[in-house]
Amino acid sequence: MGDQTENKGIFDALFAKKADIEKDFGADLFWERLDEKKSCRISARLEGVNVKDRADWDKMIKFQCDTMPRFYDALHDRLGAAKKSI
């Protein structure tokens, strides 16, 4: 969203459901409120790979193909509810 206060409210509403979101996602996520910035971040990360190393590309593709649908499923409806709640 374009408003810092609204973004923080949405993040806080989602963070209040962190355990349920991570359960539905199937793993821990990284939760970064970024208080001094307009944006916030919720992410899943694949550690130990280098985008410049072609040998890692298959790992990254597999991670993204596996992660994105689970991320969407865990957050989509809750994101809409969080937007409406603030």
PDB file of N, CA and C in Angstrom:
ATOM      1  N   MET A   1       0.847  -1.165   0.000  1.00  0.00           N
ATOM      2  CA  MET A   1       0.000   0.000   0.000  1.00  0.00           C
ATOM      3  C   MET A   1       0.897   1.233   0.000  1.00  0.00           C
ATOM      4  N   GLY A   2       0.325   2.362  -0.281  1.00  0.00           N
ATOM      5  CA  GLY A   2       1.103   3.586  -0.364  1.00  0.00           C
ATOM      6  C   GLY A   2       1.268   4.315   0.952  1.00  0.00           C
ATOM      7  N   ASP A   3       0.635   3.857   2.007  1.00  0.00           N
ATOM      8  CA  ASP A   3       0.642   4.571   3.278  1.00  0.00           C
ATOM      9  C   ASP A   3       1.367   3.757   4.348  1.00  0.00           C
ATOM     10  N   GLN A   4       2.347   4.375   5.012  1.00  0.00           N
ATOM     11  CA  GLN A   4       3.130   3.667   6.014  1.00  0.00           C
ATOM     12  C   GLN A   4       2.265   3.152   7.158  1.00  0.00           C
ATOM     13  N   THR A   5       1.364   3.976   7.656  1.00  0.00           N
ATOM     14  CA  THR A   5       0.510   3.569   8.776  1.00  0.00           C
ATOM     15  C   THR A   5      -0.355   2.375   8.389  1.00  0.00           C
ATOM     16  N   GLU A   6      -0.916   2.412   7.195  1.00  0.00           N
ATOM     17  CA  GLU A   6      -1.738   1.294   6.716  1.00  0.00           C
ATOM     18  C   GLU A   6      -0.892   0.027   6.567  1.00  0.00           C
ATOM     19  N   ASN A   7       0.299   0.179   6.011  1.00  0.00           N
ATOM     20  CA  ASN A   7       1.184  -0.982   5.845  1.00  0.00           C
ATOM     21  C   ASN A   7       1.529  -1.622   7.182  1.00  0.00           C
ATOM     22  N   LYS A   8       1.837  -0.788   8.173  1.00  0.00           N
ATOM     23  CA  LYS A   8       2.192  -1.327   9.490  1.00  0.00           C
ATOM     24  C   LYS A   8       0.987  -2.004  10.132  1.00  0.00           C
ATOM     25  N   GLY A   9      -0.198  -1.458   9.927  1.00  0.00           N
ATOM     26  CA  GLY A   9      -1.414  -2.075  10.447  1.00  0.00           C
ATOM     27  C   GLY A   9      -1.680  -3.434   9.825  1.00  0.00           C
ATOM     28  N   ILE A  10      -1.483  -3.537   8.517  1.00  0.00           N
ATOM     29  CA  ILE A  10      -1.662  -4.812   7.818  1.00  0.00           C
ATOM     30  C   ILE A  10      -0.631  -5.822   8.314  1.00  0.00           C
ATOM     31  N   PHE A  11       0.620  -5.384   8.408  1.00  0.00           N
ATOM     32  CA  PHE A  11       1.667  -6.277   8.901  1.00  0.00           C
ATOM     33  C   PHE A  11       1.330  -6.779  10.299  1.00  0.00           C
ATOM     34  N   ASP A  12       0.927  -5.859  11.176  1.00  0.00           N
ATOM     35  CA  ASP A  12       0.619  -6.241  12.563  1.00  0.00           C
ATOM     36  C   ASP A  12      -0.542  -7.229  12.625  1.00  0.00           C
ATOM     37  N   ALA A  13      -1.546  -7.023  11.772  1.00  0.00           N
ATOM     38  CA  ALA A  13      -2.682  -7.950  11.735  1.00  0.00           C
ATOM     39  C   ALA A  13      -2.230  -9.335  11.273  1.00  0.00           C
ATOM     40  N   LEU A  14      -1.346  -9.385  10.291  1.00  0.00           N
ATOM     41  CA  LEU A  14      -0.821 -10.663   9.829  1.00  0.00           C
ATOM     42  C   LEU A  14       0.085 -11.293  10.883  1.00  0.00           C
ATOM     43  N   PHE A  15       0.919 -10.479  11.514  1.00  0.00           N
ATOM     44  CA  PHE A  15       1.845 -10.984  12.527  1.00  0.00           C
ATOM     45  C   PHE A  15       1.091 -11.595  13.708  1.00  0.00           C
ATOM     46  N   ALA A  16      -0.080 -11.059  14.003  1.00  0.00           N
ATOM     47  CA  ALA A  16      -0.903 -11.618  15.081  1.00  0.00           C
ATOM     48  C   ALA A  16      -1.335 -13.046  14.759  1.00  0.00           C
ATOM     49  N   LYS A  17      -1.314 -13.411  13.489  1.00  0.00           N
ATOM     50  CA  LYS A  17      -1.687 -14.753  13.043  1.00  0.00           C
ATOM     51  C   LYS A  17      -0.469 -15.539  12.553  1.00  0.00           C
ATOM     52  N   LYS A  18       0.710 -15.123  12.987  1.00  0.00           N
ATOM     53  CA  LYS A  18       1.979 -15.713  12.544  1.00  0.00           C
ATOM     54  C   LYS A  18       1.992 -17.232  12.675  1.00  0.00           C
ATOM     55  N   ALA A  19       1.606 -17.749  13.817  1.00  0.00           N
ATOM     56  CA  ALA A  19       1.652 -19.204  14.036  1.00  0.00           C
ATOM     57  C   ALA A  19       0.769 -19.939  13.030  1.00  0.00           C
ATOM     58  N   ASP A  20      -0.430 -19.438  12.796  1.00  0.00           N
ATOM     59  CA  ASP A  20      -1.340 -20.082  11.835  1.00  0.00           C
ATOM     60  C   ASP A  20      -0.813 -19.969  10.410  1.00  0.00           C
ATOM     61  N   ILE A  21      -0.276 -18.800  10.072  1.00  0.00           N
ATOM     62  CA  ILE A  21       0.261 -18.591   8.721  1.00  0.00           C
ATOM     63  C   ILE A  21       1.432 -19.535   8.473  1.00  0.00           C
ATOM     64  N   GLU A  22       2.354 -19.613   9.429  1.00  0.00           N
ATOM     65  CA  GLU A  22       3.512 -20.480   9.257  1.00  0.00           C
ATOM     66  C   GLU A  22       3.123 -21.957   9.267  1.00  0.00           C
ATOM     67  N   LYS A  23       2.091 -22.302  10.027  1.00  0.00           N
ATOM     68  CA  LYS A  23       1.599 -23.684  10.014  1.00  0.00           C
ATOM     69  C   LYS A  23       1.054 -24.026   8.626  1.00  0.00           C
ATOM     70  N   ASP A  24       0.235 -23.118   8.074  1.00  0.00           N
ATOM     71  CA  ASP A  24      -0.317 -23.356   6.739  1.00  0.00           C
ATOM     72  C   ASP A  24       0.771 -23.346   5.670  1.00  0.00           C
ATOM     73  N   PHE A  25       1.766 -22.494   5.830  1.00  0.00           N
ATOM     74  CA  PHE A  25       2.875 -22.420   4.879  1.00  0.00           C
ATOM     75  C   PHE A  25       3.749 -23.668   4.964  1.00  0.00           C
ATOM     76  N   GLY A  26       3.900 -24.190   6.165  1.00  0.00           N
ATOM     77  CA  GLY A  26       4.685 -25.396   6.359  1.00  0.00           C
ATOM     78  C   GLY A  26       6.118 -25.165   6.778  1.00  0.00           C
ATOM     79  N   ALA A  27       6.449 -23.924   7.144  1.00  0.00           N
ATOM     80  CA  ALA A  27       7.812 -23.591   7.585  1.00  0.00           C
ATOM     81  C   ALA A  27       7.795 -22.203   8.213  1.00  0.00           C
ATOM     82  N   ASP A  28       8.882 -21.879   8.894  1.00  0.00           N
ATOM     83  CA  ASP A  28       9.016 -20.535   9.439  1.00  0.00           C
ATOM     84  C   ASP A  28       9.240 -19.540   8.311  1.00  0.00           C
ATOM     85  N   LEU A  29       8.739 -18.343   8.507  1.00  0.00           N
ATOM     86  CA  LEU A  29       8.947 -17.243   7.576  1.00  0.00           C
ATOM     87  C   LEU A  29       9.777 -16.165   8.255  1.00  0.00           C
ATOM     88  N   PHE A  30      10.307 -15.253   7.483  1.00  0.00           N
ATOM     89  CA  PHE A  30      11.037 -14.103   8.007  1.00  0.00           C
ATOM     90  C   PHE A  30      10.070 -12.925   8.059  1.00  0.00           C
ATOM     91  N   TRP A  31       9.908 -12.351   9.250  1.00  0.00           N
ATOM     92  CA  TRP A  31       8.967 -11.259   9.489  1.00  0.00           C
ATOM     93  C   TRP A  31       9.758  -9.994   9.790  1.00  0.00           C
ATOM     94  N   GLU A  32       9.671  -9.011   8.900  1.00  0.00           N
ATOM     95  CA  GLU A  32      10.424  -7.772   9.062  1.00  0.00           C
ATOM     96  C   GLU A  32       9.475  -6.581   8.960  1.00  0.00           C
ATOM     97  N   ARG A  33       9.239  -5.933  10.079  1.00  0.00           N
ATOM     98  CA  ARG A  33       8.311  -4.800  10.111  1.00  0.00           C
ATOM     99  C   ARG A  33       8.923  -3.551   9.486  1.00  0.00           C
ATOM    100  N   LEU A  34      10.219  -3.411   9.560  1.00  0.00           N
ATOM    101  CA  LEU A  34      10.944  -2.280   8.967  1.00  0.00           C
ATOM    102  C   LEU A  34      10.335  -0.942   9.410  1.00  0.00           C
ATOM    103  N   ASP A  35      10.361  -0.708  10.711  1.00  0.00           N
ATOM    104  CA  ASP A  35       9.666   0.423  11.315  1.00  0.00           C
ATOM    105  C   ASP A  35       9.984   1.783  10.687  1.00  0.00           C
ATOM    106  N   GLU A  36      11.183   2.001  10.240  1.00  0.00           N
ATOM    107  CA  GLU A  36      11.572   3.308   9.695  1.00  0.00           C
ATOM    108  C   GLU A  36      11.228   3.472   8.210  1.00  0.00           C
ATOM    109  N   LYS A  37      10.701   2.437   7.609  1.00  0.00           N
ATOM    110  CA  LYS A  37      10.379   2.484   6.183  1.00  0.00           C
ATOM    111  C   LYS A  37       8.878   2.403   5.970  1.00  0.00           C
ATOM    112  N   LYS A  38       8.453   2.697   4.760  1.00  0.00           N
ATOM    113  CA  LYS A  38       7.040   2.609   4.410  1.00  0.00           C
ATOM    114  C   LYS A  38       6.588   1.151   4.303  1.00  0.00           C
ATOM    115  N   SER A  39       7.485   0.311   3.840  1.00  0.00           N
ATOM    116  CA  SER A  39       7.129  -1.077   3.571  1.00  0.00           C
ATOM    117  C   SER A  39       7.457  -1.998   4.737  1.00  0.00           C
ATOM    118  N   CYS A  40       6.933  -3.195   4.645  1.00  0.00           N
ATOM    119  CA  CYS A  40       7.233  -4.298   5.560  1.00  0.00           C
ATOM    120  C   CYS A  40       7.546  -5.500   4.675  1.00  0.00           C
ATOM    121  N   ARG A  41       8.057  -6.568   5.296  1.00  0.00           N
ATOM    122  CA  ARG A  41       8.431  -7.725   4.485  1.00  0.00           C
ATOM    123  C   ARG A  41       8.124  -9.011   5.229  1.00  0.00           C
ATOM    124  N   ILE A  42       7.501  -9.933   4.531  1.00  0.00           N
ATOM    125  CA  ILE A  42       7.340 -11.310   4.986  1.00  0.00           C
ATOM    126  C   ILE A  42       7.928 -12.158   3.865  1.00  0.00           C
ATOM    127  N   SER A  43       8.880 -13.021   4.210  1.00  0.00           N
ATOM    128  CA  SER A  43       9.549 -13.751   3.139  1.00  0.00           C
ATOM    129  C   SER A  43       9.940 -15.153   3.565  1.00  0.00           C
ATOM    130  N   ALA A  44      10.181 -15.953   2.550  1.00  0.00           N
ATOM    131  CA  ALA A  44      10.793 -17.265   2.701  1.00  0.00           C
ATOM    132  C   ALA A  44      12.126 -17.157   1.971  1.00  0.00           C
ATOM    133  N   ARG A  45      13.145 -17.756   2.532  1.00  0.00           N
ATOM    134  CA  ARG A  45      14.476 -17.611   1.935  1.00  0.00           C
ATOM    135  C   ARG A  45      15.142 -18.963   1.743  1.00  0.00           C
ATOM    136  N   LEU A  46      15.891 -19.029   0.678  1.00  0.00           N
ATOM    137  CA  LEU A  46      16.735 -20.181   0.396  1.00  0.00           C
ATOM    138  C   LEU A  46      18.171 -19.743   0.637  1.00  0.00           C
ATOM    139  N   GLU A  47      18.764 -20.268   1.666  1.00  0.00           N
ATOM    140  CA  GLU A  47      20.132 -19.889   2.034  1.00  0.00           C
ATOM    141  C   GLU A  47      21.137 -20.768   1.300  1.00  0.00           C
ATOM    142  N   GLY A  48      22.345 -20.249   1.154  1.00  0.00           N
ATOM    143  CA  GLY A  48      23.445 -21.042   0.621  1.00  0.00           C
ATOM    144  C   GLY A  48      23.466 -21.196  -0.883  1.00  0.00           C
ATOM    145  N   VAL A  49      22.809 -20.289  -1.598  1.00  0.00           N
ATOM    146  CA  VAL A  49      22.855 -20.313  -3.056  1.00  0.00           C
ATOM    147  C   VAL A  49      23.325 -18.950  -3.556  1.00  0.00           C
ATOM    148  N   ASN A  50      23.793 -18.947  -4.785  1.00  0.00           N
ATOM    149  CA  ASN A  50      24.282 -17.720  -5.401  1.00  0.00           C
ATOM    150  C   ASN A  50      23.646 -17.591  -6.783  1.00  0.00           C
ATOM    151  N   VAL A  51      22.929 -16.511  -6.996  1.00  0.00           N
ATOM    152  CA  VAL A  51      22.222 -16.316  -8.268  1.00  0.00           C
ATOM    153  C   VAL A  51      23.193 -16.284  -9.453  1.00  0.00           C
ATOM    154  N   LYS A  52      24.433 -15.941  -9.215  1.00  0.00           N
ATOM    155  CA  LYS A  52      25.420 -15.897 -10.296  1.00  0.00           C
ATOM    156  C   LYS A  52      26.031 -17.270 -10.601  1.00  0.00           C
ATOM    157  N   ASP A  53      25.764 -18.250  -9.750  1.00  0.00           N
ATOM    158  CA  ASP A  53      26.307 -19.595  -9.931  1.00  0.00           C
ATOM    159  C   ASP A  53      25.259 -20.482 -10.606  1.00  0.00           C
ATOM    160  N   ARG A  54      25.467 -20.777 -11.860  1.00  0.00           N
ATOM    161  CA  ARG A  54      24.491 -21.569 -12.619  1.00  0.00           C
ATOM    162  C   ARG A  54      24.222 -22.935 -11.986  1.00  0.00           C
ATOM    163  N   ALA A  55      25.175 -23.445 -11.240  1.00  0.00           N
ATOM    164  CA  ALA A  55      24.984 -24.741 -10.581  1.00  0.00           C
ATOM    165  C   ALA A  55      23.882 -24.666  -9.525  1.00  0.00           C
ATOM    166  N   ASP A  56      23.576 -23.471  -9.030  1.00  0.00           N
ATOM    167  CA  ASP A  56      22.522 -23.281  -8.027  1.00  0.00           C
ATOM    168  C   ASP A  56      21.147 -23.011  -8.636  1.00  0.00           C
ATOM    169  N   TRP A  57      21.085 -22.779  -9.929  1.00  0.00           N
ATOM    170  CA  TRP A  57      19.828 -22.370 -10.536  1.00  0.00           C
ATOM    171  C   TRP A  57      18.717 -23.402 -10.375  1.00  0.00           C
ATOM    172  N   ASP A  58      19.017 -24.660 -10.533  1.00  0.00           N
ATOM    173  CA  ASP A  58      17.981 -25.687 -10.368  1.00  0.00           C
ATOM    174  C   ASP A  58      17.418 -25.682  -8.953  1.00  0.00           C
ATOM    175  N   LYS A  59      18.285 -25.494  -7.951  1.00  0.00           N
ATOM    176  CA  LYS A  59      17.826 -25.407  -6.558  1.00  0.00           C
ATOM    177  C   LYS A  59      16.891 -24.216  -6.375  1.00  0.00           C
ATOM    178  N   MET A  60      17.273 -23.081  -6.968  1.00  0.00           N
ATOM    179  CA  MET A  60      16.461 -21.874  -6.827  1.00  0.00           C
ATOM    180  C   MET A  60      15.113 -22.014  -7.532  1.00  0.00           C
ATOM    181  N   ILE A  61      15.119 -22.604  -8.702  1.00  0.00           N
ATOM    182  CA  ILE A  61      13.869 -22.815  -9.440  1.00  0.00           C
ATOM    183  C   ILE A  61      12.950 -23.750  -8.662  1.00  0.00           C
ATOM    184  N   LYS A  62      13.495 -24.841  -8.151  1.00  0.00           N
ATOM    185  CA  LYS A  62      12.699 -25.785  -7.359  1.00  0.00           C
ATOM    186  C   LYS A  62      12.138 -25.095  -6.121  1.00  0.00           C
ATOM    187  N   PHE A  63      12.962 -24.312  -5.450  1.00  0.00           N
ATOM    188  CA  PHE A  63      12.519 -23.587  -4.255  1.00  0.00           C
ATOM    189  C   PHE A  63      11.368 -22.636  -4.597  1.00  0.00           C
ATOM    190  N   GLN A  64      11.518 -21.873  -5.658  1.00  0.00           N
ATOM    191  CA  GLN A  64      10.469 -20.924  -6.030  1.00  0.00           C
ATOM    192  C   GLN A  64       9.186 -21.627  -6.450  1.00  0.00           C
ATOM    193  N   CYS A  65       9.306 -22.691  -7.211  1.00  0.00           N
ATOM    194  CA  CYS A  65       8.115 -23.422  -7.656  1.00  0.00           C
ATOM    195  C   CYS A  65       7.381 -24.072  -6.486  1.00  0.00           C
ATOM    196  N   ASP A  66       8.122 -24.503  -5.486  1.00  0.00           N
ATOM    197  CA  ASP A  66       7.525 -25.094  -4.296  1.00  0.00           C
ATOM    198  C   ASP A  66       6.977 -24.026  -3.350  1.00  0.00           C
ATOM    199  N   THR A  67       7.714 -22.956  -3.188  1.00  0.00           N
ATOM    200  CA  THR A  67       7.413 -21.947  -2.168  1.00  0.00           C
ATOM    201  C   THR A  67       6.273 -21.009  -2.555  1.00  0.00           C
ATOM    202  N   MET A  68       6.265 -20.530  -3.763  1.00  0.00           N
ATOM    203  CA  MET A  68       5.290 -19.500  -4.140  1.00  0.00           C
ATOM    204  C   MET A  68       3.836 -19.942  -3.970  1.00  0.00           C
ATOM    205  N   PRO A  69       3.437 -21.128  -4.394  1.00  0.00           N
ATOM    206  CA  PRO A  69       2.039 -21.519  -4.166  1.00  0.00           C
ATOM    207  C   PRO A  69       1.687 -21.631  -2.682  1.00  0.00           C
ATOM    208  N   ARG A  70       2.604 -22.156  -1.883  1.00  0.00           N
ATOM    209  CA  ARG A  70       2.346 -22.268  -0.438  1.00  0.00           C
ATOM    210  C   ARG A  70       2.279 -20.891   0.209  1.00  0.00           C
ATOM    211  N   PHE A  71       3.145 -19.973  -0.225  1.00  0.00           N
ATOM    212  CA  PHE A  71       3.156 -18.611   0.290  1.00  0.00           C
ATOM    213  C   PHE A  71       1.825 -17.918  -0.048  1.00  0.00           C
ATOM    214  N   TYR A  72       1.411 -18.052  -1.283  1.00  0.00           N
ATOM    215  CA  TYR A  72       0.140 -17.470  -1.729  1.00  0.00           C
ATOM    216  C   TYR A  72      -1.026 -18.042  -0.915  1.00  0.00           C
ATOM    217  N   ASP A  73      -1.073 -19.355  -0.803  1.00  0.00           N
ATOM    218  CA  ASP A  73      -2.174 -19.996  -0.077  1.00  0.00           C
ATOM    219  C   ASP A  73      -2.217 -19.591   1.385  1.00  0.00           C
ATOM    220  N   ALA A  74      -1.067 -19.439   2.002  1.00  0.00           N
ATOM    221  CA  ALA A  74      -1.017 -19.088   3.428  1.00  0.00           C
ATOM    222  C   ALA A  74      -1.372 -17.630   3.680  1.00  0.00           C
ATOM    223  N   LEU A  75      -1.149 -16.764   2.691  1.00  0.00           N
ATOM    224  CA  LEU A  75      -1.308 -15.321   2.940  1.00  0.00           C
ATOM    225  C   LEU A  75      -2.455 -14.638   2.204  1.00  0.00           C
ATOM    226  N   HIS A  76      -2.858 -15.135   1.076  1.00  0.00           N
ATOM    227  CA  HIS A  76      -3.796 -14.388   0.229  1.00  0.00           C
ATOM    228  C   HIS A  76      -5.077 -13.975   0.945  1.00  0.00           C
ATOM    229  N   ASP A  77      -5.805 -14.928   1.477  1.00  0.00           N
ATOM    230  CA  ASP A  77      -7.073 -14.594   2.139  1.00  0.00           C
ATOM    231  C   ASP A  77      -6.843 -13.760   3.399  1.00  0.00           C
ATOM    232  N   ARG A  78      -5.784 -14.079   4.114  1.00  0.00           N
ATOM    233  CA  ARG A  78      -5.483 -13.328   5.338  1.00  0.00           C
ATOM    234  C   ARG A  78      -5.074 -11.894   5.017  1.00  0.00           C
ATOM    235  N   LEU A  79      -4.406 -11.691   3.914  1.00  0.00           N
ATOM    236  CA  LEU A  79      -4.021 -10.341   3.515  1.00  0.00           C
ATOM    237  C   LEU A  79      -5.255  -9.496   3.220  1.00  0.00           C
ATOM    238  N   GLY A  80      -6.200 -10.068   2.518  1.00  0.00           N
ATOM    239  CA  GLY A  80      -7.453  -9.358   2.244  1.00  0.00           C
ATOM    240  C   GLY A  80      -8.193  -9.024   3.528  1.00  0.00           C
ATOM    241  N   ALA A  81      -8.245  -9.963   4.459  1.00  0.00           N
ATOM    242  CA  ALA A  81      -8.910  -9.726   5.754  1.00  0.00           C
ATOM    243  C   ALA A  81      -8.173  -8.665   6.549  1.00  0.00           C
ATOM    244  N   ALA A  82      -6.849  -8.694   6.500  1.00  0.00           N
ATOM    245  CA  ALA A  82      -6.051  -7.701   7.239  1.00  0.00           C
ATOM    246  C   ALA A  82      -6.288  -6.303   6.692  1.00  0.00           C
ATOM    247  N   LYS A  83      -6.384  -6.174   5.373  1.00  0.00           N
ATOM    248  CA  LYS A  83      -6.655  -4.872   4.767  1.00  0.00           C
ATOM    249  C   LYS A  83      -8.000  -4.328   5.215  1.00  0.00           C
ATOM    250  N   LYS A  84      -9.003  -5.205   5.294  1.00  0.00           N
ATOM    251  CA  LYS A  84     -10.333  -4.773   5.693  1.00  0.00           C
ATOM    252  C   LYS A  84     -10.408  -4.425   7.179  1.00  0.00           C
ATOM    253  N   SER A  85      -9.514  -5.023   7.987  1.00  0.00           N
ATOM    254  CA  SER A  85      -9.594  -4.844   9.443  1.00  0.00           C
ATOM    255  C   SER A  85      -8.989  -3.521   9.921  1.00  0.00           C
ATOM    256  N   ILE A  86      -8.248  -2.844   9.071  1.00  0.00           N
ATOM    257  CA  ILE A  86      -7.628  -1.606   9.541  1.00  0.00           C
ATOM    258  C   ILE A  86      -8.346  -0.369   9.034  1.00  0.00           C
TER     259      ILE A  86
END
